C-alpha atoms as a PDB file:
ATOM      1  CA  MET A   1       3.011  22.444 -13.191  1.00  0.00           C
ATOM      2  CA  GLN A   2       0.088  20.098 -13.789  1.00  0.00           C
ATOM      3  CA  VAL A   3       0.280  16.415 -12.844  1.00  0.00           C
ATOM      4  CA  LEU A   4      -1.740  13.423 -14.012  1.00  0.00           C
ATOM      5  CA  GLN A   5      -1.554  10.201 -11.991  1.00  0.00           C
ATOM      6  CA  MET A   6      -2.599   6.835 -13.393  1.00  0.00           C
ATOM      7  CA  GLY A   7      -3.206   3.783 -11.229  1.00  0.00           C
ATOM      8  CA  ALA A   8      -5.456   2.478  -8.488  1.00  0.00           C
ATOM      9  CA  TYR A   9      -7.700   4.894  -6.590  1.00  0.00           C
ATOM     10  CA  PRO A  10      -9.635   3.994  -3.433  1.00  0.00           C
ATOM     11  CA  PRO A  11     -11.710   2.197  -2.498  1.00  0.00           C
ATOM     12  CA  PRO A  12     -10.266  -0.173  -1.482  1.00  0.00           C
ATOM     13  CA  HIS A  13      -7.534   1.540   0.509  1.00  0.00           C
ATOM     14  CA  GLY A  14      -4.519  -0.542  -0.479  1.00  0.00           C
ATOM     15  CA  GLY A  15      -0.910   0.621  -0.503  1.00  0.00           C
ATOM     16  CA  VAL A  16      -0.920   1.907  -4.088  1.00  0.00           C
ATOM     17  CA  GLN A  17      -4.226   3.719  -3.596  1.00  0.00           C
ATOM     18  CA  THR A  18      -2.959   5.339  -0.410  1.00  0.00           C
ATOM     19  CA  ASN A  19       0.163   6.592  -2.180  1.00  0.00           C
ATOM     20  CA  VAL A  20      -1.816   8.030  -5.100  1.00  0.00           C
ATOM     21  CA  VAL A  21      -4.086   9.925  -2.692  1.00  0.00           C
ATOM     22  CA  ALA A  22      -1.135  11.108  -0.575  1.00  0.00           C
ATOM     23  CA  ILE A  23       0.672  12.539  -3.606  1.00  0.00           C
ATOM     24  CA  ARG A  24      -2.521  14.162  -4.882  1.00  0.00           C
ATOM     25  CA  THR A  25      -3.263  15.709  -1.473  1.00  0.00           C
ATOM     26  CA  HIS A  26       0.317  16.984  -1.153  1.00  0.00           C
ATOM     27  CA  LEU A  27       0.103  18.651  -4.567  1.00  0.00           C
ATOM     28  CA  LEU A  28      -3.365  20.142  -4.103  1.00  0.00           C
ATOM     29  CA  ASP A  29      -2.396  21.563  -0.710  1.00  0.00           C
ATOM     30  CA  ARG A  30       0.325  23.499  -2.551  1.00  0.00           C
ATOM     31  CA  GLY A  31      -1.951  24.732  -5.298  1.00  0.00           C
ATOM     32  CA  ILE A  32      -0.646  22.294  -7.921  1.00  0.00           C
ATOM     33  CA  PRO A  33      -3.382  20.759 -10.111  1.00  0.00           C
ATOM     34  CA  CYS A  34      -3.457  16.948 -10.026  1.00  0.00           C
ATOM     35  CA  SER A  35      -5.854  14.735 -11.978  1.00  0.00           C
ATOM     36  CA  VAL A  36      -6.156  10.973 -11.588  1.00  0.00           C
ATOM     37  CA  ILE A  37      -7.121   8.258 -14.071  1.00  0.00           C
ATOM     38  CA  ASN A  38      -8.347   5.280 -12.077  1.00  0.00           C
ATOM     39  CA  LEU A  39      -7.327   2.057 -13.832  1.00  0.00           C
ATOM     40  CA  THR A  40      -9.239  -0.363 -11.601  1.00  0.00           C
ATOM     41  CA  ARG A  41     -12.775  -1.715 -11.759  1.00  0.00           C
ATOM     42  CA  HIS A  42     -13.709   0.104  -8.535  1.00  0.00           C
ATOM     43  CA  ARG A  43     -15.636   3.259  -9.458  1.00  0.00           C
ATOM     44  CA  ASP A  44     -17.256   4.202  -6.159  1.00  0.00           C
ATOM     45  CA  SER A  45     -15.230   7.325  -5.484  1.00  0.00           C
ATOM     46  CA  GLN A  46     -16.315  10.628  -6.989  1.00  0.00           C
ATOM     47  CA  ALA A  47     -13.901  13.538  -6.802  1.00  0.00           C
ATOM     48  CA  GLU A  48     -12.955  16.536  -8.883  1.00  0.00           C
ATOM     49  CA  ASN A  49     -10.648  15.631 -11.785  1.00  0.00           C
ATOM     50  CA  LEU A  50     -10.958  11.891 -11.064  1.00  0.00           C
ATOM     51  CA  TYR A  51     -11.704   9.801 -14.157  1.00  0.00           C
ATOM     52  CA  HIS A  52     -12.932   6.218 -14.498  1.00  0.00           C
ATOM     53  CA  PRO A  53     -12.338   5.089 -18.101  1.00  0.00           C
ATOM     54  CA  ARG A  54     -14.109   1.872 -19.111  1.00  0.00           C
ATOM     55  CA  ASN A  55     -11.584   0.655 -21.679  1.00  0.00           C
ATOM     56  CA  ALA A  56      -8.221   1.318 -23.310  1.00  0.00           C
ATOM     57  CA  LEU A  57      -9.735   3.632 -25.923  1.00  0.00           C
ATOM     58  CA  GLU A  58     -11.155   5.894 -23.220  1.00  0.00           C
ATOM     59  CA  VAL A  59      -7.752   5.939 -21.496  1.00  0.00           C
ATOM     60  CA  ILE A  60      -6.121   7.079 -24.741  1.00  0.00           C
ATOM     61  CA  LYS A  61      -8.749   9.788 -25.256  1.00  0.00           C
ATOM     62  CA  LEU A  62      -8.094  11.124 -21.745  1.00  0.00           C
ATOM     63  CA  LEU A  63      -4.332  11.128 -22.276  1.00  0.00           C
ATOM     64  CA  LEU A  64      -4.781  13.117 -25.476  1.00  0.00           C
ATOM     65  CA  SER A  65      -7.307  15.590 -24.067  1.00  0.00           C
ATOM     66  CA  LEU A  66      -6.275  16.314 -20.463  1.00  0.00           C
ATOM     67  CA  LYS A  67      -3.811  19.083 -19.657  1.00  0.00           C
ATOM     68  CA  PHE A  68      -0.699  17.942 -17.784  1.00  0.00           C
ATOM     69  CA  ASP A  69       3.071  18.289 -17.808  1.00  0.00           C
ATOM     70  CA  ILE A  70       3.878  15.054 -15.966  1.00  0.00           C
ATOM     71  CA  VAL A  71       2.119  11.709 -16.077  1.00  0.00           C
ATOM     72  CA  HIS A  72       2.895   9.587 -13.029  1.00  0.00           C
ATOM     73  CA  LEU A  73       2.188   5.875 -13.533  1.00  0.00           C
ATOM     74  CA  HIS A  74       1.736   3.510 -10.582  1.00  0.00           C
ATOM     75  CA  HIS A  75       2.430  -0.215 -10.966  1.00  0.00           C
ATOM     76  CA  GLY A  76       1.545  -2.507  -8.078  1.00  0.00           C
ATOM     77  CA  GLY A  77       1.071  -6.016  -9.411  1.00  0.00           C
ATOM     78  CA  GLU A  78       1.765  -8.134 -12.440  1.00  0.00           C
ATOM     79  CA  LEU A  79       3.471  -6.286 -15.278  1.00  0.00           C
ATOM     80  CA  THR A  80       1.165  -7.232 -18.140  1.00  0.00           C
ATOM     81  CA  PRO A  81       1.671  -6.566 -21.887  1.00  0.00           C
ATOM     82  CA  ARG A  82      -1.301  -4.195 -21.680  1.00  0.00           C
ATOM     83  CA  LEU A  83       0.416  -2.104 -19.007  1.00  0.00           C
ATOM     84  CA  LEU A  84       3.687  -2.083 -20.929  1.00  0.00           C
ATOM     85  CA  ALA A  85       1.831  -0.841 -24.014  1.00  0.00           C
ATOM     86  CA  MET A  86       0.283   1.963 -21.957  1.00  0.00           C
ATOM     87  CA  TYR A  87       3.677   2.959 -20.555  1.00  0.00           C
ATOM     88  CA  LEU A  88       5.100   3.041 -24.070  1.00  0.00           C
ATOM     89  CA  PHE A  89       2.190   5.187 -25.284  1.00  0.00           C
ATOM     90  CA  CYS A  90       2.712   7.646 -22.421  1.00  0.00           C
ATOM     91  CA  SER A  91       6.421   7.900 -23.216  1.00  0.00           C
ATOM     92  CA  LEU A  92       5.541   8.915 -26.781  1.00  0.00           C
ATOM     93  CA  LEU A  93       3.332  11.853 -25.749  1.00  0.00           C
ATOM     94  CA  PRO A  94       5.085  14.989 -27.020  1.00  0.00           C
ATOM     95  CA  GLY A  95       6.298  17.435 -24.401  1.00  0.00           C
ATOM     96  CA  LYS A  96       5.304  15.251 -21.437  1.00  0.00           C
ATOM     97  CA  LYS A  97       7.484  13.806 -18.686  1.00  0.00           C
ATOM     98  CA  THR A  98       6.701  10.232 -17.649  1.00  0.00           C
ATOM     99  CA  VAL A  99       7.338   8.883 -14.124  1.00  0.00           C
ATOM    100  CA  LEU A 100       6.720   5.291 -13.027  1.00  0.00           C
ATOM    101  CA  THR A 101       6.514   4.110  -9.422  1.00  0.00           C
ATOM    102  CA  CYS A 102       6.944   0.361  -9.025  1.00  0.00           C
ATOM    103  CA  HIS A 103       5.187  -0.396  -5.739  1.00  0.00           C
ATOM    104  CA  SER A 104       5.537  -4.166  -5.862  1.00  0.00           C
ATOM    105  CA  GLY A 105       8.537  -4.873  -3.649  1.00  0.00           C
ATOM    106  CA  GLY A 106       8.142  -8.558  -4.479  1.00  0.00           C
ATOM    107  CA  TYR A 107       8.809  -7.791  -8.155  1.00  0.00           C
ATOM    108  CA  ALA A 108      12.513  -7.958  -7.309  1.00  0.00           C
ATOM    109  CA  THR A 109      12.191 -11.707  -6.647  1.00  0.00           C
ATOM    110  CA  SER A 110       9.665 -12.527  -9.368  1.00  0.00           C
ATOM    111  CA  THR A 111      10.103 -14.569 -12.538  1.00  0.00           C
ATOM    112  CA  GLU A 112       9.956 -11.325 -14.539  1.00  0.00           C
ATOM    113  CA  GLU A 113      12.906  -9.961 -12.580  1.00  0.00           C
ATOM    114  CA  LYS A 114      14.996 -13.001 -13.479  1.00  0.00           C
ATOM    115  CA  ARG A 115      14.451 -12.104 -17.139  1.00  0.00           C
ATOM    116  CA  ALA A 116      15.582  -8.502 -16.629  1.00  0.00           C
ATOM    117  CA  ARG A 117      17.880  -7.743 -19.557  1.00  0.00           C
ATOM    118  CA  TRP A 118      18.926  -4.588 -21.378  1.00  0.00           C
ATOM    119  CA  TRP A 119      17.696  -5.908 -24.724  1.00  0.00           C
ATOM    120  CA  SER A 120      14.253  -7.045 -23.456  1.00  0.00           C
ATOM    121  CA  LEU A 121      11.006  -5.268 -24.409  1.00  0.00           C
ATOM    122  CA  PRO A 122      10.381  -4.106 -20.794  1.00  0.00           C
ATOM    123  CA  GLY A 123      13.937  -2.769 -20.712  1.00  0.00           C
ATOM    124  CA  PHE A 124      13.349  -0.782 -23.904  1.00  0.00           C
ATOM    125  CA  ILE A 125      10.148   0.720 -22.497  1.00  0.00           C
ATOM    126  CA  PHE A 126      11.572   1.452 -19.036  1.00  0.00           C
ATOM    127  CA  ARG A 127      14.495   3.322 -20.619  1.00  0.00           C
ATOM    128  CA  ARG A 128      12.056   5.568 -22.468  1.00  0.00           C
ATOM    129  CA  LEU A 129      10.552   6.847 -19.195  1.00  0.00           C
ATOM    130  CA  SER A 130      11.785  10.114 -17.700  1.00  0.00           C
ATOM    131  CA  SER A 131      12.214   8.655 -14.207  1.00  0.00           C
ATOM    132  CA  ILE A 132      11.473   5.499 -12.255  1.00  0.00           C
ATOM    133  CA  ILE A 133      10.687   5.478  -8.531  1.00  0.00           C
ATOM    134  CA  ALA A 134      11.529   2.219  -6.739  1.00  0.00           C
ATOM    135  CA  VAL A 135      10.342   1.466  -3.205  1.00  0.00           C
ATOM    136  CA  ASN A 136      13.380  -0.559  -2.133  1.00  0.00           C
ATOM    137  CA  PRO A 137      17.051  -1.010  -3.132  1.00  0.00           C
ATOM    138  CA  GLU A 138      16.362  -4.433  -4.675  1.00  0.00           C
ATOM    139  CA  LEU A 139      14.020  -2.838  -7.200  1.00  0.00           C
ATOM    140  CA  CYS A 140      16.660  -0.236  -8.044  1.00  0.00           C
ATOM    141  CA  ASP A 141      18.990  -3.101  -9.012  1.00  0.00           C
ATOM    142  CA  VAL A 142      16.275  -4.662 -11.182  1.00  0.00           C
ATOM    143  CA  PHE A 143      15.853  -1.497 -13.231  1.00  0.00           C
ATOM    144  CA  ARG A 144      19.622  -1.168 -13.585  1.00  0.00           C
ATOM    145  CA  ARG A 145      19.647  -4.634 -15.160  1.00  0.00           C
ATOM    146  CA  PHE A 146      16.960  -3.401 -17.546  1.00  0.00           C
ATOM    147  CA  GLY A 147      19.471  -0.754 -18.596  1.00  0.00           C
ATOM    148  CA  VAL A 148      17.885   2.271 -16.919  1.00  0.00           C
ATOM    149  CA  PRO A 149      20.621   4.802 -16.037  1.00  0.00           C
ATOM    150  CA  ASP A 150      21.223   5.435 -12.341  1.00  0.00           C
ATOM    151  CA  ALA A 151      20.359   9.106 -12.788  1.00  0.00           C
ATOM    152  CA  ARG A 152      16.790   8.146 -13.681  1.00  0.00           C
ATOM    153  CA  ILE A 153      16.240   5.677 -10.810  1.00  0.00           C
ATOM    154  CA  HIS A 154      15.037   7.133  -7.506  1.00  0.00           C
ATOM    155  CA  LEU A 155      14.497   5.366  -4.202  1.00  0.00           C
ATOM    156  CA  ILE A 156      11.464   7.012  -2.579  1.00  0.00           C
ATOM    157  CA  LEU A 157       9.349   5.187  -0.032  1.00  0.00           C
ATOM    158  CA  PRO A 158       5.641   5.193  -0.964  1.00  0.00           C
ATOM    159  CA  PHE A 159       4.015   6.595   2.138  1.00  0.00           C
ATOM    160  CA  ALA A 160       3.275   9.761   4.062  1.00  0.00           C
ATOM    161  CA  LEU A 161       3.235   9.175   7.795  1.00  0.00           C
ATOM    162  CA  LYS A 162       0.107  10.725   9.276  1.00  0.00           C
ATOM    163  CA  THR A 163      -0.829  10.969  12.937  1.00  0.00           C
ATOM    164  CA  PRO A 164      -4.589  11.052  13.640  1.00  0.00           C
ATOM    165  CA  ALA A 165      -5.942  13.688  15.973  1.00  0.00           C
ATOM    166  CA  ALA A 166      -6.017  12.462  19.557  1.00  0.00           C
ATOM    167  CA  ASP A 167      -9.735  13.186  19.849  1.00  0.00           C
ATOM    168  CA  ARG A 168     -10.739  11.507  16.574  1.00  0.00           C
ATOM    169  CA  LYS A 169     -13.122   8.634  17.270  1.00  0.00           C
ATOM    170  CA  LEU A 170     -13.369   5.279  15.541  1.00  0.00           C
ATOM    171  CA  PRO A 171     -16.453   4.303  13.535  1.00  0.00           C
ATOM    172  CA  ALA A 172     -19.022   2.846  15.940  1.00  0.00           C
ATOM    173  CA  PRO A 173     -18.714  -0.861  14.933  1.00  0.00           C
ATOM    174  CA  ILE A 174     -14.926  -0.874  15.383  1.00  0.00           C
ATOM    175  CA  ASP A 175     -15.080   1.309  18.484  1.00  0.00           C
ATOM    176  CA  ASN A 176     -17.609  -1.008  20.154  1.00  0.00           C
ATOM    177  CA  PHE A 177     -15.564  -4.070  19.223  1.00  0.00           C
ATOM    178  CA  PHE A 178     -12.400  -2.548  20.670  1.00  0.00           C
ATOM    179  CA  LEU A 179     -14.222  -1.585  23.878  1.00  0.00           C
ATOM    180  CA  GLN A 180     -15.338  -5.191  24.355  1.00  0.00           C
ATOM    181  CA  HIS A 181     -12.030  -6.920  23.651  1.00  0.00           C
ATOM    182  CA  HIS A 182      -8.509  -6.927  25.014  1.00  0.00           C
ATOM    183  CA  PRO A 183      -5.944  -7.440  23.650  1.00  0.00           C
ATOM    184  CA  LYS A 184      -7.035  -5.955  20.354  1.00  0.00           C
ATOM    185  CA  LEU A 185      -5.377  -7.526  17.313  1.00  0.00           C
ATOM    186  CA  LEU A 186      -5.666  -5.678  14.016  1.00  0.00           C
ATOM    187  CA  THR A 187      -4.762  -6.376  10.417  1.00  0.00           C
ATOM    188  CA  VAL A 188      -5.169  -4.106   7.392  1.00  0.00           C
ATOM    189  CA  GLY A 189      -5.068  -5.411   3.840  1.00  0.00           C
ATOM    190  CA  LEU A 190      -7.071  -6.654   0.926  1.00  0.00           C
ATOM    191  CA  LEU A 191      -9.188  -9.776   1.438  1.00  0.00           C
ATOM    192  CA  GLU A 192      -7.129 -11.729  -1.067  1.00  0.00           C
ATOM    193  CA  PRO A 193      -5.228 -15.045  -0.895  1.00  0.00           C
ATOM    194  CA  GLU A 194      -1.783 -13.457  -0.587  1.00  0.00           C
ATOM    195  CA  TYR A 195      -2.695 -11.940   2.803  1.00  0.00           C
ATOM    196  CA  ASP A 196      -3.193 -15.346   4.451  1.00  0.00           C
ATOM    197  CA  LEU A 197      -5.945 -14.073   6.749  1.00  0.00           C
ATOM    198  CA  THR A 198      -7.200 -17.526   7.735  1.00  0.00           C
ATOM    199  CA  LEU A 199      -3.871 -17.983   9.529  1.00  0.00           C
ATOM    200  CA  GLN A 200      -4.699 -15.063  11.819  1.00  0.00           C
ATOM    201  CA  ILE A 201      -8.254 -16.263  12.399  1.00  0.00           C
ATOM    202  CA  ASP A 202      -6.980 -19.738  13.321  1.00  0.00           C
ATOM    203  CA  ALA A 203      -4.258 -18.279  15.539  1.00  0.00           C
ATOM    204  CA  LEU A 204      -6.856 -16.434  17.610  1.00  0.00           C
ATOM    205  CA  GLU A 205      -8.117 -19.778  18.973  1.00  0.00           C
ATOM    206  CA  ARG A 206      -4.783 -20.381  20.717  1.00  0.00           C
ATOM    207  CA  ILE A 207      -4.469 -16.778  21.873  1.00  0.00           C
ATOM    208  CA  LEU A 208      -7.860 -17.053  23.576  1.00  0.00           C
ATOM    209  CA  ASP A 209      -6.487 -19.806  25.856  1.00  0.00           C
ATOM    210  CA  ASP A 210      -4.375 -17.224  27.687  1.00  0.00           C
ATOM    211  CA  HIS A 211      -6.341 -14.115  26.770  1.00  0.00           C
ATOM    212  CA  PRO A 212     -10.027 -15.112  26.769  1.00  0.00           C
ATOM    213  CA  ASN A 213     -11.218 -11.610  25.891  1.00  0.00           C
ATOM    214  CA  ALA A 214      -8.966 -11.119  22.843  1.00  0.00           C
ATOM    215  CA  GLY A 215     -10.409  -9.922  19.554  1.00  0.00           C
ATOM    216  CA  LEU A 216      -9.219  -9.700  15.955  1.00  0.00           C
ATOM    217  CA  ALA A 217     -10.391  -6.907  13.638  1.00  0.00           C
ATOM    218  CA  ILE A 218      -9.733  -7.211   9.903  1.00  0.00           C
ATOM    219  CA  ILE A 219      -9.895  -4.033   7.806  1.00  0.00           C
ATOM    220  CA  GLY A 220     -10.163  -4.412   4.043  1.00  0.00           C
ATOM    221  CA  SER A 221     -12.262  -5.707   1.191  1.00  0.00           C
ATOM    222  CA  GLY A 222     -11.692  -8.183  -1.592  1.00  0.00           C
ATOM    223  CA  SER A 223     -12.657 -11.349  -3.393  1.00  0.00           C
ATOM    224  CA  LEU A 224     -12.458 -13.554  -0.268  1.00  0.00           C
ATOM    225  CA  GLN A 225     -15.141 -11.659   1.651  1.00  0.00           C
ATOM    226  CA  GLN A 226     -17.673 -14.502   1.606  1.00  0.00           C
ATOM    227  CA  GLN A 227     -15.079 -17.233   2.046  1.00  0.00           C
ATOM    228  CA  LEU A 228     -13.665 -15.563   5.138  1.00  0.00           C
ATOM    229  CA  THR A 229     -17.160 -14.922   6.501  1.00  0.00           C
ATOM    230  CA  ASP A 230     -17.936 -18.632   6.143  1.00  0.00           C
ATOM    231  CA  HIS A 231     -14.613 -19.599   7.751  1.00  0.00           C
ATOM    232  CA  ILE A 232     -15.296 -17.352  10.745  1.00  0.00           C
ATOM    233  CA  ARG A 233     -18.776 -18.832  11.189  1.00  0.00           C
ATOM    234  CA  THR A 234     -17.246 -22.286  11.694  1.00  0.00           C
ATOM    235  CA  LYS A 235     -15.415 -21.042  14.790  1.00  0.00           C
ATOM    236  CA  SER A 236     -16.825 -21.211  18.299  1.00  0.00           C
ATOM    237  CA  TYR A 237     -15.233 -17.800  18.863  1.00  0.00           C
ATOM    238  CA  SER A 238     -16.756 -16.156  15.771  1.00  0.00           C
ATOM    239  CA  ASP A 239     -17.902 -13.194  17.880  1.00  0.00           C
ATOM    240  CA  ARG A 240     -14.234 -12.405  18.570  1.00  0.00           C
ATOM    241  CA  VAL A 241     -13.509 -11.681  14.870  1.00  0.00           C
ATOM    242  CA  LEU A 242     -14.760  -8.533  13.141  1.00  0.00           C
ATOM    243  CA  LEU A 243     -14.671  -8.136   9.360  1.00  0.00           C
ATOM    244  CA  CYS A 244     -14.741  -4.346   9.112  1.00  0.00           C
ATOM    245  CA  GLY A 245     -14.892  -4.074   5.336  1.00  0.00           C
ATOM    246  CA  ASP A 246     -13.269  -1.170   3.536  1.00  0.00           C
ATOM    247  CA  VAL A 247     -12.571   1.703   5.937  1.00  0.00           C
ATOM    248  CA  ASP A 248     -11.583   5.314   5.296  1.00  0.00           C
ATOM    249  CA  HIS A 249      -7.840   5.795   5.616  1.00  0.00           C
ATOM    250  CA  GLY A 250      -8.175   8.288   8.464  1.00  0.00           C
ATOM    251  CA  ASP A 251     -10.348   5.861  10.415  1.00  0.00           C
ATOM    252  CA  THR A 252      -7.889   3.069   9.645  1.00  0.00           C
ATOM    253  CA  LEU A 253      -5.119   5.116  11.232  1.00  0.00           C
ATOM    254  CA  CYS A 254      -7.300   5.547  14.316  1.00  0.00           C
ATOM    255  CA  ALA A 255      -7.818   1.781  14.498  1.00  0.00           C
ATOM    256  CA  ILE A 256      -4.063   1.239  14.264  1.00  0.00           C
ATOM    257  CA  ARG A 257      -3.543   3.847  16.973  1.00  0.00           C
ATOM    258  CA  ASP A 258      -5.966   2.075  19.312  1.00  0.00           C
ATOM    259  CA  CYS A 259      -4.968  -1.569  18.713  1.00  0.00           C
ATOM    260  CA  ASP A 260      -2.552  -3.561  20.855  1.00  0.00           C
ATOM    261  CA  ILE A 261      -0.821  -5.576  18.118  1.00  0.00           C
ATOM    262  CA  PHE A 262      -0.743  -4.989  14.378  1.00  0.00           C
ATOM    263  CA  LEU A 263      -0.505  -8.128  12.233  1.00  0.00           C
ATOM    264  CA  ARG A 264       0.705  -8.512   8.641  1.00  0.00           C
ATOM    265  CA  THR A 265       0.783 -12.153   7.553  1.00  0.00           C
ATOM    266  CA  THR A 266       1.410 -12.480   3.837  1.00  0.00           C
ATOM    267  CA  LEU A 267       2.505 -14.994   1.241  1.00  0.00           C
ATOM    268  CA  TYR A 268       3.726 -12.234  -1.057  1.00  0.00           C
ATOM    269  CA  ASP A 269       4.370  -8.677   0.033  1.00  0.00           C
ATOM    270  CA  GLY A 270       6.470  -5.603  -0.505  1.00  0.00           C
ATOM    271  CA  ASP A 271       7.128  -2.617   1.730  1.00  0.00           C
ATOM    272  CA  ALA A 272       3.650  -2.443   3.254  1.00  0.00           C
ATOM    273  CA  VAL A 273       2.463   1.091   3.973  1.00  0.00           C
ATOM    274  CA  SER A 274       0.304  -0.155   6.865  1.00  0.00           C
ATOM    275  CA  VAL A 275       3.364  -1.648   8.583  1.00  0.00           C
ATOM    276  CA  ARG A 276       5.155   1.690   8.379  1.00  0.00           C
ATOM    277  CA  GLU A 277       2.087   3.456   9.721  1.00  0.00           C
ATOM    278  CA  ALA A 278       1.795   1.066  12.655  1.00  0.00           C
ATOM    279  CA  LEU A 279       5.457   1.572  13.581  1.00  0.00           C
ATOM    280  CA  HIS A 280       5.019   5.331  13.257  1.00  0.00           C
ATOM    281  CA  LEU A 281       2.120   5.138  15.733  1.00  0.00           C
ATOM    282  CA  GLY A 282       4.208   3.165  18.221  1.00  0.00           C
ATOM    283  CA  LYS A 283       2.497  -0.209  17.839  1.00  0.00           C
ATOM    284  CA  ARG A 284       3.845  -3.715  18.277  1.00  0.00           C
ATOM    285  CA  VAL A 285       4.041  -5.135  14.733  1.00  0.00           C
ATOM    286  CA  ILE A 286       4.264  -8.802  13.775  1.00  0.00           C
ATOM    287  CA  ALA A 287       4.734  -9.617  10.095  1.00  0.00           C
ATOM    288  CA  SER A 288       5.729 -12.450   7.803  1.00  0.00           C
ATOM    289  CA  ASP A 289       9.406 -12.252   6.919  1.00  0.00           C
ATOM    290  CA  ASN A 290       9.702 -11.072   3.313  1.00  0.00           C
ATOM    291  CA  GLY A 291      13.319  -9.936   3.542  1.00  0.00           C
ATOM    292  CA  MET A 292      12.481  -6.223   3.490  1.00  0.00           C
ATOM    293  CA  ARG A 293      10.622  -5.374   6.692  1.00  0.00           C
ATOM    294  CA  PRO A 294      11.712  -2.184   8.473  1.00  0.00           C
ATOM    295  CA  THR A 295      13.464  -2.169  11.818  1.00  0.00           C
ATOM    296  CA  GLY A 296      11.115  -2.704  14.736  1.00  0.00           C
ATOM    297  CA  VAL A 297       8.987  -5.456  13.192  1.00  0.00           C
ATOM    298  CA  ARG A 298       8.854  -8.843  14.901  1.00  0.00           C
ATOM    299  CA  LEU A 299       9.301 -11.364  12.068  1.00  0.00           C
ATOM    300  CA  VAL A 300       7.664 -14.780  11.683  1.00  0.00           C
ATOM    301  CA  PRO A 301       8.023 -17.359   8.886  1.00  0.00           C
ATOM    302  CA  ARG A 302       5.263 -17.459   6.277  1.00  0.00           C
ATOM    303  CA  GLN A 303       2.293 -19.752   7.024  1.00  0.00           C
ATOM    304  CA  ASP A 304       3.696 -20.747  10.424  1.00  0.00           C
ATOM    305  CA  LEU A 305       0.787 -20.880  12.876  1.00  0.00           C
ATOM    306  CA  VAL A 306       2.912 -21.934  15.858  1.00  0.00           C
ATOM    307  CA  ALA A 307       5.437 -19.145  15.310  1.00  0.00           C
ATOM    308  CA  LEU A 308       2.695 -16.547  14.881  1.00  0.00           C
ATOM    309  CA  CYS A 309       0.944 -17.561  18.118  1.00  0.00           C
ATOM    310  CA  ALA A 310       4.219 -17.613  20.028  1.00  0.00           C
ATOM    311  CA  SER A 311       5.168 -14.177  18.701  1.00  0.00           C
ATOM    312  CA  ILE A 312       1.787 -12.700  19.679  1.00  0.00           C
ATOM    313  CA  SER A 313       2.043 -14.172  23.186  1.00  0.00           C
ATOM    314  CA  GLU A 314       5.604 -12.919  23.642  1.00  0.00           C
ATOM    315  CA  SER A 315       4.703  -9.456  22.355  1.00  0.00           C
ATOM    316  CA  LEU A 316       1.855  -9.150  24.830  1.00  0.00           C
ATOM    317  CA  GLN A 317       4.276  -9.769  27.676  1.00  0.00           C
ATOM    318  CA  VAL A 318       6.354  -6.740  26.692  1.00  0.00           C
ATOM    319  CA  PRO A 319       4.817  -3.477  27.922  1.00  0.00           C
ATOM    320  CA  ILE A 320       4.695  -0.529  25.550  1.00  0.00           C
ATOM    321  CA  LEU A 321       6.135   2.643  26.985  1.00  0.00           C
ATOM    322  CA  LYS A 322       3.642   5.461  26.608  1.00  0.00           C
ATOM    323  CA  THR A 323       5.221   8.191  24.498  1.00  0.00           C
ATOM    324  CA  GLU A 324       3.902  11.091  22.487  1.00  0.00           C
ATOM    325  CA  LEU A 325       2.980  10.158  18.952  1.00  0.00           C
ATOM    326  CA  SER A 326       5.404  11.237  16.249  1.00  0.00           C
ATOM    327  CA  PRO A 327       4.273  14.203  14.162  1.00  0.00           C
ATOM    328  CA  SER A 328       3.026  13.670  10.626  1.00  0.00           C
ATOM    329  CA  ASP A 329       5.804  13.378   8.045  1.00  0.00           C
ATOM    330  CA  ASP A 330       5.360  14.263   4.365  1.00  0.00           C
ATOM    331  CA  ALA A 331       9.061  13.935   3.469  1.00  0.00           C
ATOM    332  CA  ASN A 332       8.467  11.192   0.889  1.00  0.00           C
ATOM    333  CA  MET A 333       5.700  13.149  -0.845  1.00  0.00           C
ATOM    334  CA  GLN A 334       7.937  16.211  -0.899  1.00  0.00           C
ATOM    335  CA  ALA A 335      10.673  14.102  -2.508  1.00  0.00           C
ATOM    336  CA  VAL A 336       8.228  13.191  -5.301  1.00  0.00           C
ATOM    337  CA  LEU A 337       7.360  16.858  -5.805  1.00  0.00           C
ATOM    338  CA  GLU A 338      11.044  17.798  -5.970  1.00  0.00           C
ATOM    339  CA  LEU A 339      11.549  15.096  -8.611  1.00  0.00           C
ATOM    340  CA  TYR A 340       8.735  16.612 -10.679  1.00  0.00           C
ATOM    341  CA  ARG A 341      10.354  20.047 -10.419  1.00  0.00           C
ATOM    342  CA  ARG A 342      13.751  18.755 -11.513  1.00  0.00           C
ATOM    343  CA  LEU A 343      12.239  17.013 -14.529  1.00  0.00           C
ATOM    344  CA  LEU A 344      10.444  20.148 -15.644  1.00  0.00           C
ATOM    345  CA  SER A 345      13.431  22.422 -15.039  1.00  0.00           C
ATOM    346  CA  THR A 346      15.585  20.088 -17.145  1.00  0.00           C
ATOM    347  CA  SER A 347      13.117  20.159 -20.025  1.00  0.00           C
ATOM    348  CA  ARG A 348      13.207  23.941 -20.008  1.00  0.00           C
END
C-alpha cells in the first residue's frame, strides 16, 4: 500500500494540517509509504516526500508521476470549482482509490449544503469518489442528499489524541509567561476573523478585576497578526496578552496541558481538534456554541462578551480534580488505515 495525501500541511498547525500529519505519522510508523502534496501557499516545511506545487499544472504532473494506490483528499473550507475539478481529475486516475475527508463541520449549515441535490455537479463528483469521511453526523446527511451511498460514507473523527511527556518543557517565551500569570487562559487557532480573538482580549479586562495576575496566551498565525498586535497595544494590560505565533504541535499540547482554561470563541467552526485535545488533557474548556461541541465543554453564545466573562469566572471557581492524564489514542487514525485496507482488498 502506498498513500498520497492532498491538502494543507503545517505550518500553520490548524485542524486539517494536524490530521494530515497524524495520518502520515500513523502510516509511516507502520512502514506504509505516505507522500503529501501541500495545496496551500505555506511552503516552510521540508520533509521527505512532501511536495509544494506552485500551480494546477504542477499538481497534475505530480498526480501522474507519483506512485500511490490511494489518494486521500482533505477539504477544510469553501468548496470551490477548482477543488471540485481536482477531485474529478483524481477520480479519473486509472487503478487509484480516492478518499475525501470533509473537515468543515460548518459545511452542513452552509449555503452549499442547502443546494445539496443528487443531480448537482458536486453530487456527481462526490459519487465518483471511492469513499467519503465526514467528521460529524450532519455531514453524513449532506453527502446522502448528494446521492452518495451509505456504504461509501464513513464517520471518522479527525484527530489522534496525544499526551505529551510529563517532563516535556514549554518553549521559553510561553513557559516564562505561564510562570508569571495565574490563571492562565489559552486559545489555539488561526489568527483569522472567524476565531473572534478580540473578544477574548477584551474579556481579559473584566477577568483582571477579580484575578489581577491573569494572562491570555494565543497560539496561531494568520492574516490578523498585525491587527491583533495593534489591538493589544491599545490595552493598559497589554503585558497580560502573549501572541505566541505558530507553535509546534507537541509544544502546543504542552501549553494546553499547563493552562487553566482553554478558550475557543468562533463565529464559524466545526469539530475543533484543539477542543478535543484540551478535554483529553483534562482542561476546563469554554467554547462558542456551534451545535456540535463534545460533552464536557462549557458553551457560550457567539460574540457574547458578558457570557464569556461569566463563564470564565464560574469555571475558575470549580476546582479540577488532579487525575492521571489519559494515554494517547490513535483509534481514529487506525480507522482511516482500516478503510484504506478495505478499499484495496475490494479492488483486488
